[in-house]
ModelCIF file with pLDDT and N, C-alpha, C, O atoms, coordinates in Angstrom:
data_MODEL
#
_entry.id   MODEL 
#
_entity.id                         1 
_entity.type                       polymer 
_entity.pdbx_number_of_molecules   1 
#
_entity_poly.entity_id                      1 
_entity_poly.type                           'polypeptide(L)' 
_entity_poly.nstd_linkage                   no 
_entity_poly.nstd_monomer                   no 
_entity_poly.pdbx_seq_one_letter_code       
;(UNK)(UNK)(UNK)(UNK)(UNK)(UNK)(UNK)(UNK)(UNK)(UNK)(UNK)(UNK)(UNK)(UNK)(UNK)(UNK)
(UNK)(UNK)(UNK)(UNK)(UNK)(UNK)(UNK)(UNK)(UNK)(UNK)(UNK)(UNK)(UNK)(UNK)(UNK)(UNK)
(UNK)(UNK)(UNK)(UNK)(UNK)(UNK)(UNK)(UNK)(UNK)(UNK)(UNK)(UNK)(UNK)(UNK)(UNK)
;
_entity_poly.pdbx_seq_one_letter_code_can   XXXXXXXXXXXXXXXXXXXXXXXXXXXXXXXXXXXXXXXXXXXXXXX 
_entity_poly.pdbx_strand_id                 A 
#
loop_
_entity_poly_seq.entity_id 
_entity_poly_seq.num 
_entity_poly_seq.mon_id 
_entity_poly_seq.hetero 
1 1  UNK n 
1 2  UNK n 
1 3  UNK n 
1 4  UNK n 
1 5  UNK n 
1 6  UNK n 
1 7  UNK n 
1 8  UNK n 
1 9  UNK n 
1 10 UNK n 
1 11 UNK n 
1 12 UNK n 
1 13 UNK n 
1 14 UNK n 
1 15 UNK n 
1 16 UNK n 
1 17 UNK n 
1 18 UNK n 
1 19 UNK n 
1 20 UNK n 
1 21 UNK n 
1 22 UNK n 
1 23 UNK n 
1 24 UNK n 
1 25 UNK n 
1 26 UNK n 
1 27 UNK n 
1 28 UNK n 
1 29 UNK n 
1 30 UNK n 
1 31 UNK n 
1 32 UNK n 
1 33 UNK n 
1 34 UNK n 
1 35 UNK n 
1 36 UNK n 
1 37 UNK n 
1 38 UNK n 
1 39 UNK n 
1 40 UNK n 
1 41 UNK n 
1 42 UNK n 
1 43 UNK n 
1 44 UNK n 
1 45 UNK n 
1 46 UNK n 
1 47 UNK n 
#
_struct_asym.id          A 
_struct_asym.entity_id   1 
#
loop_
_ma_qa_metric.id 
_ma_qa_metric.mode 
_ma_qa_metric.name 
_ma_qa_metric.software_group_id 
_ma_qa_metric.type 
1 global pLDDT . pLDDT 
2 local  pLDDT . pLDDT 
#
_ma_qa_metric_global.metric_id      1 
_ma_qa_metric_global.metric_value   92.45 
_ma_qa_metric_global.model_id       1 
_ma_qa_metric_global.ordinal_id     1 
#
loop_
_ma_qa_metric_local.label_asym_id 
_ma_qa_metric_local.label_comp_id 
_ma_qa_metric_local.label_seq_id 
_ma_qa_metric_local.metric_id 
_ma_qa_metric_local.metric_value 
_ma_qa_metric_local.model_id 
_ma_qa_metric_local.ordinal_id 
A UNK 1  2 96.00 1 1  
A UNK 2  2 96.00 1 2  
A UNK 3  2 95.00 1 3  
A UNK 4  2 95.00 1 4  
A UNK 5  2 94.00 1 5  
A UNK 6  2 95.00 1 6  
A UNK 7  2 96.00 1 7  
A UNK 8  2 96.00 1 8  
A UNK 9  2 95.00 1 9  
A UNK 10 2 93.00 1 10 
A UNK 11 2 90.00 1 11 
A UNK 12 2 79.00 1 12 
A UNK 13 2 79.00 1 13 
A UNK 14 2 82.00 1 14 
A UNK 15 2 84.00 1 15 
A UNK 16 2 85.00 1 16 
A UNK 17 2 88.00 1 17 
A UNK 18 2 92.00 1 18 
A UNK 19 2 94.00 1 19 
A UNK 20 2 94.00 1 20 
A UNK 21 2 94.00 1 21 
A UNK 22 2 95.00 1 22 
A UNK 23 2 94.00 1 23 
A UNK 24 2 94.00 1 24 
A UNK 25 2 94.00 1 25 
A UNK 26 2 95.00 1 26 
A UNK 27 2 96.00 1 27 
A UNK 28 2 97.00 1 28 
A UNK 29 2 96.00 1 29 
A UNK 30 2 96.00 1 30 
A UNK 31 2 95.00 1 31 
A UNK 32 2 93.00 1 32 
A UNK 33 2 92.00 1 33 
A UNK 34 2 87.00 1 34 
A UNK 35 2 90.00 1 35 
A UNK 36 2 90.00 1 36 
A UNK 37 2 91.00 1 37 
A UNK 38 2 90.00 1 38 
A UNK 39 2 89.00 1 39 
A UNK 40 2 92.00 1 40 
A UNK 41 2 95.00 1 41 
A UNK 42 2 95.00 1 42 
A UNK 43 2 95.00 1 43 
A UNK 44 2 96.00 1 44 
A UNK 45 2 96.00 1 45 
A UNK 46 2 96.00 1 46 
A UNK 47 2 94.00 1 47 
#
loop_
_atom_site.group_PDB 
_atom_site.id 
_atom_site.type_symbol 
_atom_site.label_atom_id 
_atom_site.label_alt_id 
_atom_site.label_comp_id 
_atom_site.label_asym_id 
_atom_site.label_entity_id 
_atom_site.label_seq_id 
_atom_site.pdbx_PDB_ins_code 
_atom_site.Cartn_x 
_atom_site.Cartn_y 
_atom_site.Cartn_z 
_atom_site.occupancy 
_atom_site.B_iso_or_equiv 
_atom_site.pdbx_formal_charge 
_atom_site.auth_seq_id 
_atom_site.auth_comp_id 
_atom_site.auth_asym_id 
_atom_site.auth_atom_id 
_atom_site.pdbx_PDB_model_num 
ATOM 1   N N  . UNK A 1 1  ? 0.788   4.232   17.333  1.00 96.00 ? 1  UNK A N  1 
ATOM 2   C CA . UNK A 1 1  ? 0.626   3.327   18.472  1.00 96.00 ? 1  UNK A CA 1 
ATOM 3   C C  . UNK A 1 1  ? 1.852   2.446   18.695  1.00 96.00 ? 1  UNK A C  1 
ATOM 4   O O  . UNK A 1 1  ? 2.217   2.152   19.833  1.00 96.00 ? 1  UNK A O  1 
ATOM 5   N N  . UNK A 1 2  ? 2.482   2.030   17.601  1.00 96.00 ? 2  UNK A N  1 
ATOM 6   C CA . UNK A 1 2  ? 3.608   1.112   17.696  1.00 96.00 ? 2  UNK A CA 1 
ATOM 7   C C  . UNK A 1 2  ? 4.961   1.823   17.632  1.00 96.00 ? 2  UNK A C  1 
ATOM 8   O O  . UNK A 1 2  ? 5.978   1.199   17.329  1.00 96.00 ? 2  UNK A O  1 
ATOM 9   N N  . UNK A 1 3  ? 4.971   3.134   17.917  1.00 95.00 ? 3  UNK A N  1 
ATOM 10  C CA . UNK A 1 3  ? 6.215   3.886   18.042  1.00 95.00 ? 3  UNK A CA 1 
ATOM 11  C C  . UNK A 1 3  ? 6.947   4.161   16.752  1.00 95.00 ? 3  UNK A C  1 
ATOM 12  O O  . UNK A 1 3  ? 8.171   4.293   16.748  1.00 95.00 ? 3  UNK A O  1 
ATOM 13  N N  . UNK A 1 4  ? 6.211   4.251   15.646  1.00 95.00 ? 4  UNK A N  1 
ATOM 14  C CA . UNK A 1 4  ? 6.851   4.451   14.342  1.00 95.00 ? 4  UNK A CA 1 
ATOM 15  C C  . UNK A 1 4  ? 6.633   5.849   13.765  1.00 95.00 ? 4  UNK A C  1 
ATOM 16  O O  . UNK A 1 4  ? 7.055   6.130   12.644  1.00 95.00 ? 4  UNK A O  1 
ATOM 17  N N  . UNK A 1 5  ? 5.984   6.713   14.518  1.00 94.00 ? 5  UNK A N  1 
ATOM 18  C CA . UNK A 1 5  ? 5.727   8.064   14.026  1.00 94.00 ? 5  UNK A CA 1 
ATOM 19  C C  . UNK A 1 5  ? 7.048   8.785   13.752  1.00 94.00 ? 5  UNK A C  1 
ATOM 20  O O  . UNK A 1 5  ? 7.932   8.833   14.607  1.00 94.00 ? 5  UNK A O  1 
ATOM 21  N N  . UNK A 1 6  ? 7.165   9.338   12.555  1.00 95.00 ? 6  UNK A N  1 
ATOM 22  C CA . UNK A 1 6  ? 8.399   10.015  12.162  1.00 95.00 ? 6  UNK A CA 1 
ATOM 23  C C  . UNK A 1 6  ? 9.471   9.084   11.643  1.00 95.00 ? 6  UNK A C  1 
ATOM 24  O O  . UNK A 1 6  ? 10.505  9.536   11.149  1.00 95.00 ? 6  UNK A O  1 
ATOM 25  N N  . UNK A 1 7  ? 9.234   7.778   11.749  1.00 96.00 ? 7  UNK A N  1 
ATOM 26  C CA . UNK A 1 7  ? 10.226  6.801   11.294  1.00 96.00 ? 7  UNK A CA 1 
ATOM 27  C C  . UNK A 1 7  ? 9.837   6.176   9.949   1.00 96.00 ? 7  UNK A C  1 
ATOM 28  O O  . UNK A 1 7  ? 10.657  5.539   9.287   1.00 96.00 ? 7  UNK A O  1 
ATOM 29  N N  . UNK A 1 8  ? 8.578   6.369   9.559   1.00 96.00 ? 8  UNK A N  1 
ATOM 30  C CA . UNK A 1 8  ? 8.079   5.804   8.308   1.00 96.00 ? 8  UNK A CA 1 
ATOM 31  C C  . UNK A 1 8  ? 7.822   6.936   7.321   1.00 96.00 ? 8  UNK A C  1 
ATOM 32  O O  . UNK A 1 8  ? 7.224   7.953   7.671   1.00 96.00 ? 8  UNK A O  1 
ATOM 33  N N  . UNK A 1 9  ? 8.271   6.755   6.107   1.00 95.00 ? 9  UNK A N  1 
ATOM 34  C CA . UNK A 1 9  ? 8.050   7.751   5.043   1.00 95.00 ? 9  UNK A CA 1 
ATOM 35  C C  . UNK A 1 9  ? 6.663   7.513   4.451   1.00 95.00 ? 9  UNK A C  1 
ATOM 36  O O  . UNK A 1 9  ? 6.447   6.519   3.757   1.00 95.00 ? 9  UNK A O  1 
ATOM 37  N N  . UNK A 1 10 ? 5.719   8.424   4.723   1.00 93.00 ? 10 UNK A N  1 
ATOM 38  C CA . UNK A 1 10 ? 4.345   8.262   4.250   1.00 93.00 ? 10 UNK A CA 1 
ATOM 39  C C  . UNK A 1 10 ? 4.206   8.866   2.850   1.00 93.00 ? 10 UNK A C  1 
ATOM 40  O O  . UNK A 1 10 ? 4.454   10.057  2.657   1.00 93.00 ? 10 UNK A O  1 
ATOM 41  N N  . UNK A 1 11 ? 3.815   8.053   1.889   1.00 90.00 ? 11 UNK A N  1 
ATOM 42  C CA . UNK A 1 11 ? 3.639   8.519   0.511   1.00 90.00 ? 11 UNK A CA 1 
ATOM 43  C C  . UNK A 1 11 ? 2.373   9.362   0.413   1.00 90.00 ? 11 UNK A C  1 
ATOM 44  O O  . UNK A 1 11 ? 1.303   8.927   0.840   1.00 90.00 ? 11 UNK A O  1 
ATOM 45  N N  . UNK A 1 12 ? 2.485   10.541  -0.133  1.00 79.00 ? 12 UNK A N  1 
ATOM 46  C CA . UNK A 1 12 ? 1.363   11.476  -0.201  1.00 79.00 ? 12 UNK A CA 1 
ATOM 47  C C  . UNK A 1 12 ? 0.596   11.316  -1.519  1.00 79.00 ? 12 UNK A C  1 
ATOM 48  O O  . UNK A 1 12 ? 0.509   12.250  -2.316  1.00 79.00 ? 12 UNK A O  1 
ATOM 49  N N  . UNK A 1 13 ? 0.047   10.126  -1.733  1.00 79.00 ? 13 UNK A N  1 
ATOM 50  C CA . UNK A 1 13 ? -0.732  9.848   -2.946  1.00 79.00 ? 13 UNK A CA 1 
ATOM 51  C C  . UNK A 1 13 ? -1.979  9.063   -2.572  1.00 79.00 ? 13 UNK A C  1 
ATOM 52  O O  . UNK A 1 13 ? -2.072  8.513   -1.474  1.00 79.00 ? 13 UNK A O  1 
ATOM 53  N N  . UNK A 1 14 ? -2.933  9.015   -3.489  1.00 82.00 ? 14 UNK A N  1 
ATOM 54  C CA . UNK A 1 14 ? -4.191  8.321   -3.229  1.00 82.00 ? 14 UNK A CA 1 
ATOM 55  C C  . UNK A 1 14 ? -4.002  6.805   -3.251  1.00 82.00 ? 14 UNK A C  1 
ATOM 56  O O  . UNK A 1 14 ? -3.106  6.284   -3.916  1.00 82.00 ? 14 UNK A O  1 
ATOM 57  N N  . UNK A 1 15 ? -4.866  6.111   -2.508  1.00 84.00 ? 15 UNK A N  1 
ATOM 58  C CA . UNK A 1 15 ? -4.781  4.655   -2.411  1.00 84.00 ? 15 UNK A CA 1 
ATOM 59  C C  . UNK A 1 15 ? -4.969  3.985   -3.762  1.00 84.00 ? 15 UNK A C  1 
ATOM 60  O O  . UNK A 1 15 ? -4.444  2.895   -3.987  1.00 84.00 ? 15 UNK A O  1 
ATOM 61  N N  . UNK A 1 16 ? -5.707  4.615   -4.660  1.00 85.00 ? 16 UNK A N  1 
ATOM 62  C CA . UNK A 1 16 ? -5.937  4.037   -5.978  1.00 85.00 ? 16 UNK A CA 1 
ATOM 63  C C  . UNK A 1 16 ? -4.671  3.812   -6.777  1.00 85.00 ? 16 UNK A C  1 
ATOM 64  O O  . UNK A 1 16 ? -4.664  3.033   -7.730  1.00 85.00 ? 16 UNK A O  1 
ATOM 65  N N  . UNK A 1 17 ? -3.595  4.492   -6.391  1.00 88.00 ? 17 UNK A N  1 
ATOM 66  C CA . UNK A 1 17 ? -2.314  4.345   -7.090  1.00 88.00 ? 17 UNK A CA 1 
ATOM 67  C C  . UNK A 1 17 ? -1.441  3.260   -6.483  1.00 88.00 ? 17 UNK A C  1 
ATOM 68  O O  . UNK A 1 17 ? -0.325  3.028   -6.947  1.00 88.00 ? 17 UNK A O  1 
ATOM 69  N N  . UNK A 1 18 ? -1.941  2.592   -5.445  1.00 92.00 ? 18 UNK A N  1 
ATOM 70  C CA . UNK A 1 18 ? -1.089  1.710   -4.642  1.00 92.00 ? 18 UNK A CA 1 
ATOM 71  C C  . UNK A 1 18 ? -0.505  0.533   -5.417  1.00 92.00 ? 18 UNK A C  1 
ATOM 72  O O  . UNK A 1 18 ? 0.684   0.244   -5.288  1.00 92.00 ? 18 UNK A O  1 
ATOM 73  N N  . UNK A 1 19 ? -1.312  -0.143  -6.213  1.00 94.00 ? 19 UNK A N  1 
ATOM 74  C CA . UNK A 1 19 ? -0.833  -1.345  -6.906  1.00 94.00 ? 19 UNK A CA 1 
ATOM 75  C C  . UNK A 1 19 ? 0.264   -0.995  -7.908  1.00 94.00 ? 19 UNK A C  1 
ATOM 76  O O  . UNK A 1 19 ? 1.298   -1.662  -7.959  1.00 94.00 ? 19 UNK A O  1 
ATOM 77  N N  . UNK A 1 20 ? 0.038   0.048   -8.701  1.00 94.00 ? 20 UNK A N  1 
ATOM 78  C CA . UNK A 1 20 ? 1.046   0.461   -9.685  1.00 94.00 ? 20 UNK A CA 1 
ATOM 79  C C  . UNK A 1 20 ? 2.311   0.948   -8.986  1.00 94.00 ? 20 UNK A C  1 
ATOM 80  O O  . UNK A 1 20 ? 3.420   0.643   -9.424  1.00 94.00 ? 20 UNK A O  1 
ATOM 81  N N  . UNK A 1 21 ? 2.149   1.700   -7.907  1.00 94.00 ? 21 UNK A N  1 
ATOM 82  C CA . UNK A 1 21 ? 3.306   2.225   -7.175  1.00 94.00 ? 21 UNK A CA 1 
ATOM 83  C C  . UNK A 1 21 ? 4.117   1.095   -6.548  1.00 94.00 ? 21 UNK A C  1 
ATOM 84  O O  . UNK A 1 21 ? 5.346   1.158   -6.502  1.00 94.00 ? 21 UNK A O  1 
ATOM 85  N N  . UNK A 1 22 ? 3.425   0.060   -6.066  1.00 95.00 ? 22 UNK A N  1 
ATOM 86  C CA . UNK A 1 22 ? 4.122   -1.093  -5.479  1.00 95.00 ? 22 UNK A CA 1 
ATOM 87  C C  . UNK A 1 22 ? 4.898   -1.837  -6.552  1.00 95.00 ? 22 UNK A C  1 
ATOM 88  O O  . UNK A 1 22 ? 6.062   -2.188  -6.358  1.00 95.00 ? 22 UNK A O  1 
ATOM 89  N N  . UNK A 1 23 ? 4.252   -2.076  -7.678  1.00 94.00 ? 23 UNK A N  1 
ATOM 90  C CA . UNK A 1 23 ? 4.879   -2.809  -8.779  1.00 94.00 ? 23 UNK A CA 1 
ATOM 91  C C  . UNK A 1 23 ? 6.105   -2.069  -9.314  1.00 94.00 ? 23 UNK A C  1 
ATOM 92  O O  . UNK A 1 23 ? 7.115   -2.688  -9.648  1.00 94.00 ? 23 UNK A O  1 
ATOM 93  N N  . UNK A 1 24 ? 6.009   -0.745  -9.392  1.00 94.00 ? 24 UNK A N  1 
ATOM 94  C CA . UNK A 1 24 ? 7.103   0.070   -9.930  1.00 94.00 ? 24 UNK A CA 1 
ATOM 95  C C  . UNK A 1 24 ? 8.150   0.443   -8.886  1.00 94.00 ? 24 UNK A C  1 
ATOM 96  O O  . UNK A 1 24 ? 9.067   1.218   -9.159  1.00 94.00 ? 24 UNK A O  1 
ATOM 97  N N  . UNK A 1 25 ? 8.001   -0.123  -7.675  1.00 94.00 ? 25 UNK A N  1 
ATOM 98  C CA . UNK A 1 25 ? 8.948   0.092   -6.566  1.00 94.00 ? 25 UNK A CA 1 
ATOM 99  C C  . UNK A 1 25 ? 9.047   1.551   -6.137  1.00 94.00 ? 25 UNK A C  1 
ATOM 100 O O  . UNK A 1 25 ? 10.089  2.008   -5.666  1.00 94.00 ? 25 UNK A O  1 
ATOM 101 N N  . UNK A 1 26 ? 7.932   2.279   -6.309  1.00 95.00 ? 26 UNK A N  1 
ATOM 102 C CA . UNK A 1 26 ? 7.879   3.654   -5.803  1.00 95.00 ? 26 UNK A CA 1 
ATOM 103 C C  . UNK A 1 26 ? 7.563   3.664   -4.317  1.00 95.00 ? 26 UNK A C  1 
ATOM 104 O O  . UNK A 1 26 ? 7.850   4.638   -3.622  1.00 95.00 ? 26 UNK A O  1 
ATOM 105 N N  . UNK A 1 27 ? 6.972   2.583   -3.832  1.00 96.00 ? 27 UNK A N  1 
ATOM 106 C CA . UNK A 1 27 ? 6.682   2.420   -2.407  1.00 96.00 ? 27 UNK A CA 1 
ATOM 107 C C  . UNK A 1 27 ? 7.102   1.014   -1.988  1.00 96.00 ? 27 UNK A C  1 
ATOM 108 O O  . UNK A 1 27 ? 7.265   0.122   -2.821  1.00 96.00 ? 27 UNK A O  1 
ATOM 109 N N  . UNK A 1 28 ? 7.272   0.838   -0.674  1.00 97.00 ? 28 UNK A N  1 
ATOM 110 C CA . UNK A 1 28 ? 7.593   -0.493  -0.147  1.00 97.00 ? 28 UNK A CA 1 
ATOM 111 C C  . UNK A 1 28 ? 6.331   -1.269  0.221   1.00 97.00 ? 28 UNK A C  1 
ATOM 112 O O  . UNK A 1 28 ? 6.336   -2.498  0.295   1.00 97.00 ? 28 UNK A O  1 
ATOM 113 N N  . UNK A 1 29 ? 5.250   -0.521  0.449   1.00 96.00 ? 29 UNK A N  1 
ATOM 114 C CA . UNK A 1 29 ? 4.019   -1.191  0.827   1.00 96.00 ? 29 UNK A CA 1 
ATOM 115 C C  . UNK A 1 29 ? 2.866   -0.215  0.922   1.00 96.00 ? 29 UNK A C  1 
ATOM 116 O O  . UNK A 1 29 ? 3.042   0.997   0.799   1.00 96.00 ? 29 UNK A O  1 
ATOM 117 N N  . UNK A 1 30 ? 1.672   -0.768  1.143   1.00 96.00 ? 30 UNK A N  1 
ATOM 118 C CA . UNK A 1 30 ? 0.504   0.097   1.327   1.00 96.00 ? 30 UNK A CA 1 
ATOM 119 C C  . UNK A 1 30 ? -0.448  -0.514  2.349   1.00 96.00 ? 30 UNK A C  1 
ATOM 120 O O  . UNK A 1 30 ? -0.410  -1.712  2.632   1.00 96.00 ? 30 UNK A O  1 
ATOM 121 N N  . UNK A 1 31 ? -1.302  0.349   2.890   1.00 95.00 ? 31 UNK A N  1 
ATOM 122 C CA . UNK A 1 31 ? -2.280  -0.065  3.894   1.00 95.00 ? 31 UNK A CA 1 
ATOM 123 C C  . UNK A 1 31 ? -3.664  0.056   3.283   1.00 95.00 ? 31 UNK A C  1 
ATOM 124 O O  . UNK A 1 31 ? -3.985  1.063   2.653   1.00 95.00 ? 31 UNK A O  1 
ATOM 125 N N  . UNK A 1 32 ? -4.478  -0.964  3.469   1.00 93.00 ? 32 UNK A N  1 
ATOM 126 C CA . UNK A 1 32 ? -5.839  -0.905  2.957   1.00 93.00 ? 32 UNK A CA 1 
ATOM 127 C C  . UNK A 1 32 ? -6.762  -1.679  3.896   1.00 93.00 ? 32 UNK A C  1 
ATOM 128 O O  . UNK A 1 32 ? -6.345  -2.641  4.540   1.00 93.00 ? 32 UNK A O  1 
ATOM 129 N N  . UNK A 1 33 ? -7.999  -1.253  3.965   1.00 92.00 ? 33 UNK A N  1 
ATOM 130 C CA . UNK A 1 33 ? -9.005  -1.953  4.767   1.00 92.00 ? 33 UNK A CA 1 
ATOM 131 C C  . UNK A 1 33 ? -10.134 -2.379  3.848   1.00 92.00 ? 33 UNK A C  1 
ATOM 132 O O  . UNK A 1 33 ? -10.745 -1.552  3.171   1.00 92.00 ? 33 UNK A O  1 
ATOM 133 N N  . UNK A 1 34 ? -10.400 -3.657  3.830   1.00 87.00 ? 34 UNK A N  1 
ATOM 134 C CA . UNK A 1 34 ? -11.488 -4.167  3.000   1.00 87.00 ? 34 UNK A CA 1 
ATOM 135 C C  . UNK A 1 34 ? -11.770 -5.596  3.380   1.00 87.00 ? 34 UNK A C  1 
ATOM 136 O O  . UNK A 1 34 ? -10.933 -6.259  3.992   1.00 87.00 ? 34 UNK A O  1 
ATOM 137 N N  . UNK A 1 35 ? -12.926 -6.069  3.028   1.00 90.00 ? 35 UNK A N  1 
ATOM 138 C CA . UNK A 1 35 ? -13.268 -7.454  3.324   1.00 90.00 ? 35 UNK A CA 1 
ATOM 139 C C  . UNK A 1 35 ? -12.368 -8.372  2.514   1.00 90.00 ? 35 UNK A C  1 
ATOM 140 O O  . UNK A 1 35 ? -12.220 -8.206  1.303   1.00 90.00 ? 35 UNK A O  1 
ATOM 141 N N  . UNK A 1 36 ? -11.771 -9.335  3.191   1.00 90.00 ? 36 UNK A N  1 
ATOM 142 C CA . UNK A 1 36 ? -10.858 -10.208 2.450   1.00 90.00 ? 36 UNK A CA 1 
ATOM 143 C C  . UNK A 1 36 ? -11.619 -11.306 1.728   1.00 90.00 ? 36 UNK A C  1 
ATOM 144 O O  . UNK A 1 36 ? -12.646 -11.769 2.224   1.00 90.00 ? 36 UNK A O  1 
ATOM 145 N N  . UNK A 1 37 ? -11.139 -11.732 0.573   1.00 91.00 ? 37 UNK A N  1 
ATOM 146 C CA . UNK A 1 37 ? -9.961  -11.213 -0.135  1.00 91.00 ? 37 UNK A CA 1 
ATOM 147 C C  . UNK A 1 37 ? -10.259 -9.866  -0.807  1.00 91.00 ? 37 UNK A C  1 
ATOM 148 O O  . UNK A 1 37 ? -11.206 -9.738  -1.583  1.00 91.00 ? 37 UNK A O  1 
ATOM 149 N N  . UNK A 1 38 ? -9.427  -8.865  -0.488  1.00 90.00 ? 38 UNK A N  1 
ATOM 150 C CA . UNK A 1 38 ? -9.627  -7.519  -1.010  1.00 90.00 ? 38 UNK A CA 1 
ATOM 151 C C  . UNK A 1 38 ? -9.152  -7.449  -2.460  1.00 90.00 ? 38 UNK A C  1 
ATOM 152 O O  . UNK A 1 38 ? -8.045  -7.893  -2.765  1.00 90.00 ? 38 UNK A O  1 
ATOM 153 N N  . UNK A 1 39 ? -9.973  -6.896  -3.360  1.00 89.00 ? 39 UNK A N  1 
ATOM 154 C CA . UNK A 1 39 ? -9.606  -6.859  -4.781  1.00 89.00 ? 39 UNK A CA 1 
ATOM 155 C C  . UNK A 1 39 ? -8.258  -6.194  -5.066  1.00 89.00 ? 39 UNK A C  1 
ATOM 156 O O  . UNK A 1 39 ? -7.503  -6.669  -5.914  1.00 89.00 ? 39 UNK A O  1 
ATOM 157 N N  . UNK A 1 40 ? -7.949  -5.092  -4.359  1.00 92.00 ? 40 UNK A N  1 
ATOM 158 C CA . UNK A 1 40 ? -6.672  -4.417  -4.650  1.00 92.00 ? 40 UNK A CA 1 
ATOM 159 C C  . UNK A 1 40 ? -5.475  -5.234  -4.159  1.00 92.00 ? 40 UNK A C  1 
ATOM 160 O O  . UNK A 1 40 ? -4.384  -5.123  -4.718  1.00 92.00 ? 40 UNK A O  1 
ATOM 161 N N  . UNK A 1 41 ? -5.664  -6.043  -3.130  1.00 95.00 ? 41 UNK A N  1 
ATOM 162 C CA . UNK A 1 41 ? -4.571  -6.902  -2.652  1.00 95.00 ? 41 UNK A CA 1 
ATOM 163 C C  . UNK A 1 41 ? -4.386  -8.088  -3.600  1.00 95.00 ? 41 UNK A C  1 
ATOM 164 O O  . UNK A 1 41 ? -3.260  -8.511  -3.863  1.00 95.00 ? 41 UNK A O  1 
ATOM 165 N N  . UNK A 1 42 ? -5.494  -8.618  -4.109  1.00 95.00 ? 42 UNK A N  1 
ATOM 166 C CA . UNK A 1 42 ? -5.411  -9.685  -5.127  1.00 95.00 ? 42 UNK A CA 1 
ATOM 167 C C  . UNK A 1 42 ? -4.644  -9.178  -6.343  1.00 95.00 ? 42 UNK A C  1 
ATOM 168 O O  . UNK A 1 42 ? -3.783  -9.871  -6.884  1.00 95.00 ? 42 UNK A O  1 
ATOM 169 N N  . UNK A 1 43 ? -4.969  -7.963  -6.760  1.00 95.00 ? 43 UNK A N  1 
ATOM 170 C CA . UNK A 1 43 ? -4.310  -7.363  -7.924  1.00 95.00 ? 43 UNK A CA 1 
ATOM 171 C C  . UNK A 1 43 ? -2.823  -7.158  -7.663  1.00 95.00 ? 43 UNK A C  1 
ATOM 172 O O  . UNK A 1 43 ? -1.991  -7.419  -8.532  1.00 95.00 ? 43 UNK A O  1 
ATOM 173 N N  . UNK A 1 44 ? -2.491  -6.688  -6.456  1.00 96.00 ? 44 UNK A N  1 
ATOM 174 C CA . UNK A 1 44 ? -1.080  -6.468  -6.115  1.00 96.00 ? 44 UNK A CA 1 
ATOM 175 C C  . UNK A 1 44 ? -0.302  -7.775  -6.130  1.00 96.00 ? 44 UNK A C  1 
ATOM 176 O O  . UNK A 1 44 ? 0.809   -7.841  -6.656  1.00 96.00 ? 44 UNK A O  1 
ATOM 177 N N  . UNK A 1 45 ? -0.900  -8.824  -5.544  1.00 96.00 ? 45 UNK A N  1 
ATOM 178 C CA . UNK A 1 45 ? -0.226  -10.126 -5.471  1.00 96.00 ? 45 UNK A CA 1 
ATOM 179 C C  . UNK A 1 45 ? -0.021  -10.740 -6.846  1.00 96.00 ? 45 UNK A C  1 
ATOM 180 O O  . UNK A 1 45 ? 0.910   -11.518 -7.054  1.00 96.00 ? 45 UNK A O  1 
ATOM 181 N N  . UNK A 1 46 ? -0.899  -10.386 -7.791  1.00 96.00 ? 46 UNK A N  1 
ATOM 182 C CA . UNK A 1 46 ? -0.784  -10.925 -9.152  1.00 96.00 ? 46 UNK A CA 1 
ATOM 183 C C  . UNK A 1 46 ? 0.304   -10.227 -9.957  1.00 96.00 ? 46 UNK A C  1 
ATOM 184 O O  . UNK A 1 46 ? 0.788   -10.765 -10.953 1.00 96.00 ? 46 UNK A O  1 
ATOM 185 N N  . UNK A 1 47 ? 0.690   -9.018  -9.523  1.00 94.00 ? 47 UNK A N  1 
ATOM 186 C CA . UNK A 1 47 ? 1.657   -8.240  -10.300 1.00 94.00 ? 47 UNK A CA 1 
ATOM 187 C C  . UNK A 1 47 ? 3.064   -8.256  -9.715  1.00 94.00 ? 47 UNK A C  1 
ATOM 188 O O  . UNK A 1 47 ? 3.971   -7.640  -10.274 1.00 94.00 ? 47 UNK A O  1 
#
């Protein structure tokens, strides 16, 4: 929708790996949908 198709490198891994991948700098970020405060976002912010 925001004109980024083909411009963003989409990581082909499950969302459950997001916090570790973010911490280890394997990804720049992740997308998640959950009622805030979302547990996986709390975990990411703590690490």
